[in-house]
C-alpha atoms as a PDB file:
ATOM      1  CA  MET A   1       0.009   0.063  -0.117  1.00  0.00           C
ATOM      2  CA  TYR A   2       1.010   3.408  -0.978  1.00  0.00           C
ATOM      3  CA  GLU A   3       0.626   6.424   0.426  1.00  0.00           C
ATOM      4  CA  GLN A   4      -2.125   8.724  -1.404  1.00  0.00           C
ATOM      5  CA  GLN A   5       0.096   9.903  -4.387  1.00  0.00           C
ATOM      6  CA  LEU A   6      -1.007  13.300  -6.461  1.00  0.00           C
ATOM      7  CA  PHE A   7      -0.433  12.853 -10.391  1.00  0.00           C
ATOM      8  CA  CYS A   8      -0.815  16.072 -12.326  1.00  0.00           C
ATOM      9  CA  TYR A   9      -0.435  16.387 -16.458  1.00  0.00           C
ATOM     10  CA  LYS A  10      -0.552  19.309 -18.470  1.00  0.00           C
ATOM     11  CA  LYS A  11      -3.599  20.093 -20.659  1.00  0.00           C
ATOM     12  CA  GLU A  12      -2.240  19.502 -24.051  1.00  0.00           C
ATOM     13  CA  GLU A  13      -0.509  16.121 -22.865  1.00  0.00           C
ATOM     14  CA  VAL A  14      -4.360  14.679 -22.732  1.00  0.00           C
ATOM     15  CA  GLN A  15      -6.482  17.010 -24.710  1.00  0.00           C
ATOM     16  CA  ASN A  16      -5.839  15.359 -27.884  1.00  0.00           C
ATOM     17  CA  LYS A  17      -6.634  11.937 -26.348  1.00  0.00           C
ATOM     18  CA  LYS A  18     -10.077  13.639 -25.191  1.00  0.00           C
ATOM     19  CA  LEU A  19      -9.538  12.871 -21.575  1.00  0.00           C
ATOM     20  CA  THR A  20      -9.540  15.166 -18.476  1.00  0.00           C
ATOM     21  CA  PHE A  21      -9.611  14.623 -14.980  1.00  0.00           C
ATOM     22  CA  GLU A  22     -11.665  16.152 -12.119  1.00  0.00           C
ATOM     23  CA  SER A  23     -10.155  19.163 -10.238  1.00  0.00           C
ATOM     24  CA  PRO A  24      -7.874  18.152  -7.479  1.00  0.00           C
ATOM     25  CA  LYS A  25      -9.437  16.065  -5.264  1.00  0.00           C
ATOM     26  CA  GLU A  26      -9.561  12.338  -4.073  1.00  0.00           C
ATOM     27  CA  ALA A  27     -11.241  10.237  -6.881  1.00  0.00           C
ATOM     28  CA  ASP A  28     -12.659   6.785  -7.367  1.00  0.00           C
ATOM     29  CA  PRO A  29     -10.186   4.655  -8.793  1.00  0.00           C
ATOM     30  CA  ALA A  30     -12.803   2.221 -10.409  1.00  0.00           C
ATOM     31  CA  GLU A  31     -14.593   5.268 -11.707  1.00  0.00           C
ATOM     32  CA  PHE A  32     -11.459   6.750 -13.068  1.00  0.00           C
ATOM     33  CA  ALA A  33     -10.567   3.290 -14.635  1.00  0.00           C
ATOM     34  CA  GLY A  34     -13.936   3.316 -16.345  1.00  0.00           C
ATOM     35  CA  ARG A  35     -13.384   6.721 -18.035  1.00  0.00           C
ATOM     36  CA  ILE A  36     -10.349   5.432 -19.352  1.00  0.00           C
ATOM     37  CA  GLU A  37     -12.121   2.450 -20.933  1.00  0.00           C
ATOM     38  CA  ASN A  38     -15.061   4.582 -22.322  1.00  0.00           C
ATOM     39  CA  MET A  39     -13.239   7.637 -23.198  1.00  0.00           C
ATOM     40  CA  ASP A  40     -13.849   7.070 -26.762  1.00  0.00           C
ATOM     41  CA  GLU A  41     -17.317   6.376 -26.634  1.00  0.00           C
ATOM     42  CA  SER A  42     -18.231   9.918 -24.662  1.00  0.00           C
ATOM     43  CA  GLU A  43     -18.824  12.652 -26.908  1.00  0.00           C
ATOM     44  CA  ASP A  44     -18.905  15.062 -23.701  1.00  0.00           C
ATOM     45  CA  MET A  45     -15.351  14.421 -23.472  1.00  0.00           C
ATOM     46  CA  LEU A  46     -14.897  16.621 -26.475  1.00  0.00           C
ATOM     47  CA  ALA A  47     -16.043  19.751 -24.905  1.00  0.00           C
ATOM     48  CA  GLU A  48     -13.975  19.559 -21.935  1.00  0.00           C
ATOM     49  CA  LYS A  49     -10.617  19.241 -23.658  1.00  0.00           C
ATOM     50  CA  GLN A  50     -10.029  22.781 -23.065  1.00  0.00           C
ATOM     51  CA  ALA A  51     -10.002  22.728 -19.536  1.00  0.00           C
ATOM     52  CA  GLU A  52      -7.037  23.682 -17.285  1.00  0.00           C
ATOM     53  CA  ALA A  53      -4.621  20.992 -16.500  1.00  0.00           C
ATOM     54  CA  LYS A  54      -6.340  18.427 -13.848  1.00  0.00           C
ATOM     55  CA  CYS A  55      -5.045  16.124 -11.152  1.00  0.00           C
ATOM     56  CA  VAL A  56      -6.094  12.642 -10.090  1.00  0.00           C
ATOM     57  CA  ARG A  57      -5.426  11.219  -6.841  1.00  0.00           C
ATOM     58  CA  ILE A  58      -4.531   7.447  -7.007  1.00  0.00           C
ATOM     59  CA  VAL A  59      -5.387   6.011  -3.643  1.00  0.00           C
ATOM     60  CA  ASP A  60      -4.468   2.331  -3.375  1.00  0.00           C
ATOM     61  CA  ASN A  61      -1.770   0.603  -5.256  1.00  0.00           C
ATOM     62  CA  ASP A  62      -3.822  -2.537  -6.167  1.00  0.00           C
ATOM     63  CA  ASN A  63      -6.507  -0.310  -7.843  1.00  0.00           C
ATOM     64  CA  LEU A  64      -3.730   1.428  -9.699  1.00  0.00           C
ATOM     65  CA  ASN A  65      -2.672  -1.726 -10.958  1.00  0.00           C
ATOM     66  CA  LYS A  66      -6.367  -2.657 -11.857  1.00  0.00           C
ATOM     67  CA  ILE A  67      -6.437   0.756 -13.634  1.00  0.00           C
ATOM     68  CA  ILE A  68      -3.618  -0.178 -16.068  1.00  0.00           C
ATOM     69  CA  LYS A  69      -4.650  -3.649 -16.840  1.00  0.00           C
ATOM     70  CA  THR A  70      -8.351  -2.968 -17.884  1.00  0.00           C
ATOM     71  CA  SER A  71      -7.318   0.448 -20.072  1.00  0.00           C
ATOM     72  CA  GLU A  72      -7.800  -0.180 -23.761  1.00  0.00           C
ATOM     73  CA  ASP A  73      -5.102   2.581 -24.666  1.00  0.00           C
ATOM     74  CA  MET A  74      -1.803   1.833 -22.875  1.00  0.00           C
ATOM     75  CA  GLU A  75      -0.180   4.462 -24.741  1.00  0.00           C
ATOM     76  CA  ILE A  76      -2.139   7.168 -22.544  1.00  0.00           C
ATOM     77  CA  VAL A  77      -1.528   5.356 -19.668  1.00  0.00           C
ATOM     78  CA  GLU A  78       2.174   5.484 -20.641  1.00  0.00           C
ATOM     79  CA  GLN A  79       2.111   9.149 -21.222  1.00  0.00           C
ATOM     80  CA  MET A  80       0.498   9.921 -18.035  1.00  0.00           C
ATOM     81  CA  ASN A  81       3.238   8.223 -16.176  1.00  0.00           C
ATOM     82  CA  ILE A  82       0.776   6.523 -13.319  1.00  0.00           C
ATOM     83  CA  ARG A  83       3.260   4.211 -11.662  1.00  0.00           C
ATOM     84  CA  GLN A  84       4.247   3.412  -8.077  1.00  0.00           C
ATOM     85  CA  GLN A  85       6.055   6.467  -6.830  1.00  0.00           C
ATOM     86  CA  LEU A  86       8.290   6.544  -3.761  1.00  0.00           C
ATOM     87  CA  ALA A  87       7.112   9.196  -1.077  1.00  0.00           C
ATOM     88  CA  CYS A  88       9.133  11.480   1.049  1.00  0.00           C
ATOM     89  CA  ALA A  89       6.413  13.242   3.206  1.00  0.00           C
ATOM     90  CA  THR A  90       7.699  16.942   3.521  1.00  0.00           C
ATOM     91  CA  GLY A  91       4.962  18.305   6.028  1.00  0.00           C
ATOM     92  CA  VAL A  92       4.377  21.889   5.600  1.00  0.00           C
ATOM     93  CA  ASP A  93       7.805  23.320   5.867  1.00  0.00           C
ATOM     94  CA  PRO A  94       9.999  21.077   3.098  1.00  0.00           C
ATOM     95  CA  ASN A  95      13.323  21.507   5.249  1.00  0.00           C
ATOM     96  CA  CYS A  96      14.496  17.907   3.736  1.00  0.00           C
ATOM     97  CA  GLY A  97      14.514  18.898   0.146  1.00  0.00           C
ATOM     98  CA  GLU A  98      18.139  17.631  -0.509  1.00  0.00           C
ATOM     99  CA  CYS A  99      17.538  14.252   1.799  1.00  0.00           C
ATOM    100  CA  CYS A 100      14.405  13.731   0.019  1.00  0.00           C
ATOM    101  CA  ALA A 101      15.874  14.082  -3.614  1.00  0.00           C
ATOM    102  CA  ILE A 102      18.494  11.299  -2.138  1.00  0.00           C
ATOM    103  CA  PHE A 103      15.984   8.957  -0.737  1.00  0.00           C
ATOM    104  CA  THR A 104      13.924   9.049  -3.773  1.00  0.00           C
ATOM    105  CA  ASN A 105      16.565   8.752  -6.327  1.00  0.00           C
ATOM    106  CA  GLU A 106      15.982   4.817  -7.644  1.00  0.00           C
ATOM    107  CA  ASP A 107      19.978   4.573  -8.547  1.00  0.00           C
ATOM    108  CA  LEU A 108      20.848   6.221  -5.194  1.00  0.00           C
ATOM    109  CA  ARG A 109      18.492   3.979  -3.180  1.00  0.00           C
ATOM    110  CA  GLU A 110      20.120   0.761  -4.364  1.00  0.00           C
ATOM    111  CA  ALA A 111      23.641   2.126  -3.720  1.00  0.00           C
ATOM    112  CA  PHE A 112      22.724   3.213  -0.133  1.00  0.00           C
ATOM    113  CA  GLY A 113      20.433   0.128   0.580  1.00  0.00           C
ATOM    114  CA  TYR A 114      17.440   2.094   0.994  1.00  0.00           C
ATOM    115  CA  GLU A 115      14.514  -0.351   1.422  1.00  0.00           C
ATOM    116  CA  LEU A 116      11.791   1.726   3.047  1.00  0.00           C
ATOM    117  CA  GLU A 117       9.339   2.937   0.444  1.00  0.00           C
ATOM    118  CA  THR A 118       8.283   6.095   2.480  1.00  0.00           C
ATOM    119  CA  ALA A 119       9.941   8.663   4.874  1.00  0.00           C
ATOM    120  CA  THR A 120       8.859  11.453   6.901  1.00  0.00           C
ATOM    121  CA  CYS A 121      10.496  14.648   7.386  1.00  0.00           C
ATOM    122  CA  ALA A 122      10.360  15.181  11.362  1.00  0.00           C
ATOM    123  CA  CYS A 123      11.940  17.122  13.649  1.00  0.00           C
ATOM    124  CA  HIS A 124      14.893  14.931  15.748  1.00  0.00           C
ATOM    125  CA  ASP A 125      16.563  16.169  18.846  1.00  0.00           C
ATOM    126  CA  ILE A 126      20.083  15.177  19.010  1.00  0.00           C
ATOM    127  CA  CYS A 127      23.250  15.949  21.218  1.00  0.00           C
ATOM    128  CA  VAL A 128      26.292  17.247  18.662  1.00  0.00           C
ATOM    129  CA  GLU A 129      29.390  18.778  18.459  1.00  0.00           C
ATOM    130  CA  ASP A 130      28.044  22.295  17.108  1.00  0.00           C
ATOM    131  CA  VAL A 131      30.733  24.739  15.380  1.00  0.00           C
ATOM    132  CA  ARG A 132      30.820  27.988  16.929  1.00  0.00           C
ATOM    133  CA  ASP A 133      33.935  29.693  15.426  1.00  0.00           C
ATOM    134  CA  ILE A 134      36.389  29.308  12.556  1.00  0.00           C
ATOM    135  CA  CYS A 135      39.925  29.890  11.739  1.00  0.00           C
ATOM    136  CA  VAL A 136      41.296  29.319   7.975  1.00  0.00           C
ATOM    137  CA  ALA A 137      45.055  29.276   7.410  1.00  0.00           C
ATOM    138  CA  THR A 138      47.131  28.608   4.545  1.00  0.00           C
ATOM    139  CA  ARG A 139      50.507  27.058   4.926  1.00  0.00           C
ATOM    140  CA  THR A 140      53.864  26.083   3.448  1.00  0.00           C
ATOM    141  CA  LEU A 141      55.882  23.365   5.010  1.00  0.00           C
ATOM    142  CA  ARG A 142      59.516  23.343   4.098  1.00  0.00           C
ATOM    143  CA  GLN A 143      62.161  21.097   4.835  1.00  0.00           C
ATOM    144  CA  CYS A 144      65.483  19.831   3.790  1.00  0.00           C
ATOM    145  CA  VAL A 145      65.810  16.041   2.649  1.00  0.00           C
ATOM    146  CA  PRO A 146      68.721  14.383   1.204  1.00  0.00           C
ATOM    147  CA  CYS A 147      69.807  14.695  -2.214  1.00  0.00           C
ATOM    148  CA  ASN A 148      72.662  15.428  -4.691  1.00  0.00           C
ATOM    149  CA  PRO A 149      71.196  17.916  -7.331  1.00  0.00           C
ATOM    150  CA  ASN A 150      74.570  17.854  -9.062  1.00  0.00           C
ATOM    151  CA  ALA A 151      75.399  14.445  -8.733  1.00  0.00           C
ATOM    152  CA  ALA A 152      78.489  14.895  -6.998  1.00  0.00           C
ATOM    153  CA  ALA A 153      79.203  13.062  -3.609  1.00  0.00           C
ATOM    154  CA  GLY A 154      82.676  14.714  -2.869  1.00  0.00           C
ATOM    155  CA  CYS A 155      85.397  13.381  -0.533  1.00  0.00           C
ATOM    156  CA  ARG A 156      84.220  13.311   2.548  1.00  0.00           C
ATOM    157  CA  GLY A 157      82.848   9.913   2.243  1.00  0.00           C
ATOM    158  CA  GLY A 158      79.434   8.695   3.451  1.00  0.00           C
ATOM    159  CA  PHE A 159      76.004   8.592   1.499  1.00  0.00           C
ATOM    160  CA  LEU A 160      74.237  11.026  -0.499  1.00  0.00           C
ATOM    161  CA  PRO A 161      71.829  10.235  -3.459  1.00  0.00           C
ATOM    162  CA  ASP A 162      72.978  11.309  -6.786  1.00  0.00           C
ATOM    163  CA  GLY A 163      69.857  13.860  -7.900  1.00  0.00           C
ATOM    164  CA  ALA A 164      66.730  14.875  -6.571  1.00  0.00           C
ATOM    165  CA  PRO A 165      63.716  12.550  -5.090  1.00  0.00           C
ATOM    166  CA  THR A 166      60.505  12.387  -6.495  1.00  0.00           C
ATOM    167  CA  VAL A 167      57.614  12.291  -4.241  1.00  0.00           C
ATOM    168  CA  GLN A 168      56.038   8.690  -4.161  1.00  0.00           C
ATOM    169  CA  SER A 169      53.157   9.224  -1.922  1.00  0.00           C
ATOM    170  CA  TRP A 170      51.912  11.317   1.387  1.00  0.00           C
ATOM    171  CA  ARG A 171      49.287  11.562   4.249  1.00  0.00           C
ATOM    172  CA  VAL A 172      48.821  13.526   7.481  1.00  0.00           C
ATOM    173  CA  LEU A 173      50.308  11.439  10.221  1.00  0.00           C
ATOM    174  CA  CYS A 174      48.658  13.272  13.096  1.00  0.00           C
ATOM    175  CA  ALA A 175      47.442  16.698  14.090  1.00  0.00           C
ATOM    176  CA  ASP A 176      46.093  18.096  17.222  1.00  0.00           C
ATOM    177  CA  GLU A 177      45.343  21.920  18.718  1.00  0.00           C
ATOM    178  CA  ASN A 178      45.619  23.418  22.303  1.00  0.00           C
ATOM    179  CA  LEU A 179      44.655  26.360  23.980  1.00  0.00           C
ATOM    180  CA  SER A 180      47.089  28.749  25.298  1.00  0.00           C
ATOM    181  CA  PRO A 181      46.575  29.912  28.632  1.00  0.00           C
ATOM    182  CA  ALA A 182      50.043  31.082  29.273  1.00  0.00           C
ATOM    183  CA  THR A 183      49.419  34.054  26.808  1.00  0.00           C
ATOM    184  CA  GLY A 184      46.010  34.951  28.311  1.00  0.00           C
ATOM    185  CA  CYS A 185      43.770  32.728  26.153  1.00  0.00           C
ATOM    186  CA  ASP A 186      44.331  34.724  22.882  1.00  0.00           C
ATOM    187  CA  ARG A 187      45.274  32.187  20.669  1.00  0.00           C
ATOM    188  CA  ILE A 188      44.801  28.481  19.371  1.00  0.00           C
ATOM    189  CA  VAL A 189      47.826  26.289  18.775  1.00  0.00           C
ATOM    190  CA  ASN A 190      47.743  24.156  15.896  1.00  0.00           C
ATOM    191  CA  ASN A 191      50.190  21.120  15.660  1.00  0.00           C
ATOM    192  CA  VAL A 192      50.391  18.916  12.030  1.00  0.00           C
ATOM    193  CA  GLU A 193      52.824  16.202  11.017  1.00  0.00           C
ATOM    194  CA  PHE A 194      53.030  14.479   7.753  1.00  0.00           C
ATOM    195  CA  GLU A 195      54.179  11.826   6.297  1.00  0.00           C
ATOM    196  CA  VAL A 196      55.988  11.817   3.026  1.00  0.00           C
ATOM    197  CA  VAL A 197      57.384   8.978   0.871  1.00  0.00           C
ATOM    198  CA  LEU A 198      60.401   9.573  -1.475  1.00  0.00           C
ATOM    199  CA  ARG A 199      61.767   7.546  -4.097  1.00  0.00           C
ATOM    200  CA  TYR A 200      65.749   8.285  -5.296  1.00  0.00           C
ATOM    201  CA  GLY A 201      67.105   7.628  -8.523  1.00  0.00           C
ATOM    202  CA  THR A 202      66.680   4.133 -10.595  1.00  0.00           C
ATOM    203  CA  SER A 203      67.471   1.926  -7.813  1.00  0.00           C
ATOM    204  CA  ASN A 204      63.813   2.441  -6.524  1.00  0.00           C
ATOM    205  CA  THR A 205      65.149   3.567  -3.053  1.00  0.00           C
ATOM    206  CA  LEU A 206      62.633   4.495  -0.763  1.00  0.00           C
ATOM    207  CA  ALA A 207      62.781   7.091   1.926  1.00  0.00           C
ATOM    208  CA  VAL A 208      60.367   8.079   4.808  1.00  0.00           C
ATOM    209  CA  VAL A 209      60.363  11.717   6.235  1.00  0.00           C
ATOM    210  CA  THR A 210      57.956  13.042   8.905  1.00  0.00           C
ATOM    211  CA  PRO A 211      57.817  16.675   8.373  1.00  0.00           C
ATOM    212  CA  SER A 212      55.890  18.865  11.106  1.00  0.00           C
ATOM    213  CA  ASP A 213      54.098  22.184  11.386  1.00  0.00           C
ATOM    214  CA  THR A 214      53.143  24.278  14.533  1.00  0.00           C
ATOM    215  CA  PHE A 215      51.585  27.657  14.126  1.00  0.00           C
ATOM    216  CA  GLU A 216      48.920  29.624  15.834  1.00  0.00           C
ATOM    217  CA  CYS A 217      45.336  31.270  15.176  1.00  0.00           C
ATOM    218  CA  PHE A 218      45.122  34.176  16.745  1.00  0.00           C
ATOM    219  CA  PHE A 219      41.567  35.223  18.419  1.00  0.00           C
ATOM    220  CA  PHE A 220      41.247  37.981  15.320  1.00  0.00           C
ATOM    221  CA  GLU A 221      41.573  35.346  12.835  1.00  0.00           C
ATOM    222  CA  PHE A 222      38.547  33.144  13.908  1.00  0.00           C
ATOM    223  CA  ALA A 223      35.171  33.941  12.424  1.00  0.00           C
ATOM    224  CA  ARG A 224      31.931  33.386  13.988  1.00  0.00           C
ATOM    225  CA  PHE A 225      29.759  30.781  12.431  1.00  0.00           C
ATOM    226  CA  PRO A 226      27.125  31.079  11.009  1.00  0.00           C
ATOM    227  CA  SER A 227      27.516  35.252  10.748  1.00  0.00           C
ATOM    228  CA  GLY A 228      30.774  34.887   9.617  1.00  0.00           C
ATOM    229  CA  VAL A 229      31.978  38.188  11.622  1.00  0.00           C
ATOM    230  CA  PHE A 230      35.605  38.095  12.774  1.00  0.00           C
ATOM    231  CA  TYR A 231      36.488  39.206  16.193  1.00  0.00           C
ATOM    232  CA  THR A 232      38.184  42.626  16.023  1.00  0.00           C
ATOM    233  CA  ASN A 233      41.698  42.776  16.718  1.00  0.00           C
ATOM    234  CA  ASP A 234      41.292  45.118  20.176  1.00  0.00           C
ATOM    235  CA  LEU A 235      40.785  44.352  23.632  1.00  0.00           C
ATOM    236  CA  VAL A 236      36.961  44.311  23.000  1.00  0.00           C
ATOM    237  CA  GLY A 237      37.549  41.473  20.623  1.00  0.00           C
ATOM    238  CA  LEU A 238      39.958  39.813  22.737  1.00  0.00           C
ATOM    239  CA  ASN A 239      37.652  39.807  25.685  1.00  0.00           C
ATOM    240  CA  GLN A 240      34.737  38.330  23.485  1.00  0.00           C
ATOM    241  CA  PHE A 241      36.878  35.618  22.210  1.00  0.00           C
ATOM    242  CA  ARG A 242      37.595  34.791  25.857  1.00  0.00           C
ATOM    243  CA  ASN A 243      34.194  34.511  26.973  1.00  0.00           C
ATOM    244  CA  GLU A 244      33.543  32.285  23.815  1.00  0.00           C
ATOM    245  CA  LEU A 245      36.404  30.102  25.075  1.00  0.00           C
ATOM    246  CA  SER A 246      34.913  29.467  28.300  1.00  0.00           C
ATOM    247  CA  LEU A 247      31.853  27.712  26.633  1.00  0.00           C
ATOM    248  CA  ILE A 248      33.945  25.831  23.620  1.00  0.00           C
ATOM    249  CA  ASP A 249      34.387  22.141  24.413  1.00  0.00           C
ATOM    250  CA  GLY A 250      36.772  21.074  21.863  1.00  0.00           C
ATOM    251  CA  SER A 251      37.693  21.595  18.221  1.00  0.00           C
ATOM    252  CA  CYS A 252      38.013  19.762  15.155  1.00  0.00           C
ATOM    253  CA  LYS A 253      39.838  20.627  11.733  1.00  0.00           C
ATOM    254  CA  VAL A 254      40.224  20.274   7.862  1.00  0.00           C
ATOM    255  CA  ILE A 255      43.284  19.341   6.504  1.00  0.00           C
ATOM    256  CA  ILE A 256      43.469  20.048   2.612  1.00  0.00           C
ATOM    257  CA  ILE A 257      47.045  19.219   0.889  1.00  0.00           C
ATOM    258  CA  GLU A 258      47.064  21.100  -2.041  1.00  0.00           C
ATOM    259  CA  ALA A 259      50.712  20.465  -3.647  1.00  0.00           C
ATOM    260  CA  VAL A 260      53.578  18.293  -2.613  1.00  0.00           C
ATOM    261  CA  ARG A 261      56.958  18.789  -4.117  1.00  0.00           C
ATOM    262  CA  ILE A 262      60.811  18.776  -4.152  1.00  0.00           C
ATOM    263  CA  VAL A 263      62.771  21.946  -5.129  1.00  0.00           C
ATOM    264  CA  ALA A 264      66.431  22.191  -5.956  1.00  0.00           C
ATOM    265  CA  GLU A 265      68.039  25.331  -4.579  1.00  0.00           C
ATOM    266  CA  GLY A 266      71.765  25.228  -4.899  1.00  0.00           C
ATOM    267  CA  ASN A 267      73.414  21.968  -4.122  1.00  0.00           C
ATOM    268  CA  ASN A 268      70.076  21.105  -1.497  1.00  0.00           C
ATOM    269  CA  CYS A 269      66.852  19.403  -1.978  1.00  0.00           C
ATOM    270  CA  ILE A 270      63.670  21.018  -0.355  1.00  0.00           C
ATOM    271  CA  LEU A 271      60.357  19.092   0.241  1.00  0.00           C
ATOM    272  CA  GLU A 272      57.546  21.814  -0.007  1.00  0.00           C
ATOM    273  CA  ILE A 273      54.125  20.916   1.407  1.00  0.00           C
ATOM    274  CA  ASP A 274      51.244  23.646   0.616  1.00  0.00           C
ATOM    275  CA  TYR A 275      48.317  22.929   2.315  1.00  0.00           C
ATOM    276  CA  ARG A 276      45.298  24.598   3.903  1.00  0.00           C
ATOM    277  CA  ILE A 277      43.789  23.908   7.646  1.00  0.00           C
ATOM    278  CA  ILE A 278      40.502  25.037   8.761  1.00  0.00           C
ATOM    279  CA  ASP A 279      40.377  25.210  12.166  1.00  0.00           C
ATOM    280  CA  LYS A 280      36.806  24.612  14.041  1.00  0.00           C
ATOM    281  CA  LEU A 281      35.806  25.143  17.598  1.00  0.00           C
ATOM    282  CA  TRP A 282      32.859  23.506  18.871  1.00  0.00           C
ATOM    283  CA  LYS A 283      30.490  23.545  21.978  1.00  0.00           C
ATOM    284  CA  HIS A 284      28.409  20.315  22.782  1.00  0.00           C
ATOM    285  CA  GLU A 285      24.846  21.519  21.941  1.00  0.00           C
ATOM    286  CA  ASN A 286      21.369  19.747  22.150  1.00  0.00           C
ATOM    287  CA  LEU A 287      19.594  20.916  18.606  1.00  0.00           C
ATOM    288  CA  LEU A 288      16.263  20.140  16.910  1.00  0.00           C
ATOM    289  CA  VAL A 289      17.005  19.408  13.281  1.00  0.00           C
ATOM    290  CA  SER A 290      14.843  17.934  10.506  1.00  0.00           C
ATOM    291  CA  ALA A 291      15.868  15.084   8.958  1.00  0.00           C
ATOM    292  CA  ILE A 292      14.400  11.683   7.642  1.00  0.00           C
ATOM    293  CA  LYS A 293      15.396   7.825   8.856  1.00  0.00           C
ATOM    294  CA  PRO A 294      16.177   5.813   5.371  1.00  0.00           C
ATOM    295  CA  TYR A 295      16.322   2.424   7.190  1.00  0.00           C
ATOM    296  CA  SER A 296      13.883   0.348   8.369  1.00  0.00           C
ATOM    297  CA  ALA A 297      13.214  -0.923  11.899  1.00  0.00           C
ATOM    298  CA  THR A 298      14.248  -4.324  13.402  1.00  0.00           C
ATOM    299  CA  GLY A 299      11.175  -6.413  14.049  1.00  0.00           C
ATOM    300  CA  GLU A 300       9.244  -4.097  16.444  1.00  0.00           C
ATOM    301  CA  GLY A 301      12.048  -1.750  17.675  1.00  0.00           C
ATOM    302  CA  GLU A 302      14.454   0.292  16.209  1.00  0.00           C
ATOM    303  CA  ASN A 303      17.075   0.038  13.627  1.00  0.00           C
ATOM    304  CA  ILE A 304      20.489  -0.975  15.386  1.00  0.00           C
ATOM    305  CA  THR A 305      23.598   1.769  14.301  1.00  0.00           C
ATOM    306  CA  VAL A 306      26.893   0.606  15.793  1.00  0.00           C
ATOM    307  CA  SER A 307      29.881   3.176  14.980  1.00  0.00           C
ATOM    308  CA  GLN A 308      33.642   2.764  15.651  1.00  0.00           C
ATOM    309  CA  ILE A 309      36.441   4.630  14.896  1.00  0.00           C
ATOM    310  CA  PHE A 310      39.003   2.746  13.270  1.00  0.00           C
ATOM    311  CA  ASN A 311      42.579   2.418  14.983  1.00  0.00           C
ATOM    312  CA  GLN A 312      45.059  -0.237  13.323  1.00  0.00           C
ATOM    313  CA  GLY A 313      47.120   2.687  11.932  1.00  0.00           C
ATOM    314  CA  GLN A 314      44.307   4.627  10.272  1.00  0.00           C
ATOM    315  CA  ALA A 315      43.477   7.309  13.748  1.00  0.00           C
ATOM    316  CA  ILE A 316      44.865  10.140  12.925  1.00  0.00           C
ATOM    317  CA  THR A 317      45.575  10.944  16.678  1.00  0.00           C
ATOM    318  CA  ALA A 318      47.412  13.906  18.507  1.00  0.00           C
ATOM    319  CA  CYS A 319      50.423  14.176  17.903  1.00  0.00           C
ATOM    320  CA  GLU A 320      52.119  13.171  21.295  1.00  0.00           C
ATOM    321  CA  SER A 321      55.537  11.139  21.488  1.00  0.00           C
ATOM    322  CA  ASN A 322      55.988   8.333  24.221  1.00  0.00           C
ATOM    323  CA  GLY A 323      59.857   8.930  23.751  1.00  0.00           C
ATOM    324  CA  ILE A 324      60.516   6.743  20.916  1.00  0.00           C
ATOM    325  CA  CYS A 325      58.375   7.716  17.969  1.00  0.00           C
ATOM    326  CA  PRO A 326      56.597  11.170  17.071  1.00  0.00           C
ATOM    327  CA  GLY A 327      53.057  10.413  16.858  1.00  0.00           C
ATOM    328  CA  ALA A 328      53.032   7.201  18.200  1.00  0.00           C
ATOM    329  CA  GLY A 329      50.834   8.201  21.483  1.00  0.00           C
ATOM    330  CA  PRO A 330      51.597   6.486  24.797  1.00  0.00           C
ATOM    331  CA  LEU A 331      52.336   2.741  25.332  1.00  0.00           C
ATOM    332  CA  ALA A 332      49.312   0.578  26.251  1.00  0.00           C
END
């Protein structure tokens, strides 16, 4: 059984077939089927072909199938596109428009495993990390790496690879940030560490380097969300930021690596990493949001949803040190 669905058709789609429908209201599917079967036998319908676009409600999916089976003109049925429709009831205020577009898209439904045929946009009471302040920084990290651009090792012994290396791969190894009470809570200190794999020469020799970067986001570099208004670079702005920090519970950051390259400068090779960081300060908040639940319940209860944070070398943790390896974290 499907919810009542409203089907509307433009006048030109039906006027040449001598068929019109009642103005939008609940119609009897059996009566509708009979009108399709007998439409060519009724001369009165000719007078209605100039009517405005009309609509008909299909109340029962079983009756809809009967309509299609009993119609002698399948072409009209096809043109009217009477078929089972996925429903996403948005209520008076369609706050879930984007979500409903995904929920009712047949390709996306298959890809995401949605089985429910109808879903309702409803208000949900959730506890979340609500972002209140954002700082955006553009950075270039530079670090020397072993190389011999002129392919001359000299006479001092040791080993320096001939030629500059190429960049094989890169990733963020760890990241964190800290408040700064020592400076009067006027900034947030950010730490980011990368892992870059370099390839040397034709021997396929690989080397791994872990350059790190530390920088500060000052109070006047933070913009309030969602207004986008920055704290002013004066005592008033500083006091406002301090008051804000008294409400802040934590942070998250977005790291966008834009370019990783090797630059030769004289007899040195410099690893350069261009990246952007969007530092966000959040507060634990209880919010009411409009959303849909696309998955069915289990039995008579709710569906069971389980989340997990991957470890096994996958988690990007704080850049702590156990005295052996930076970013390795404390020993268990």
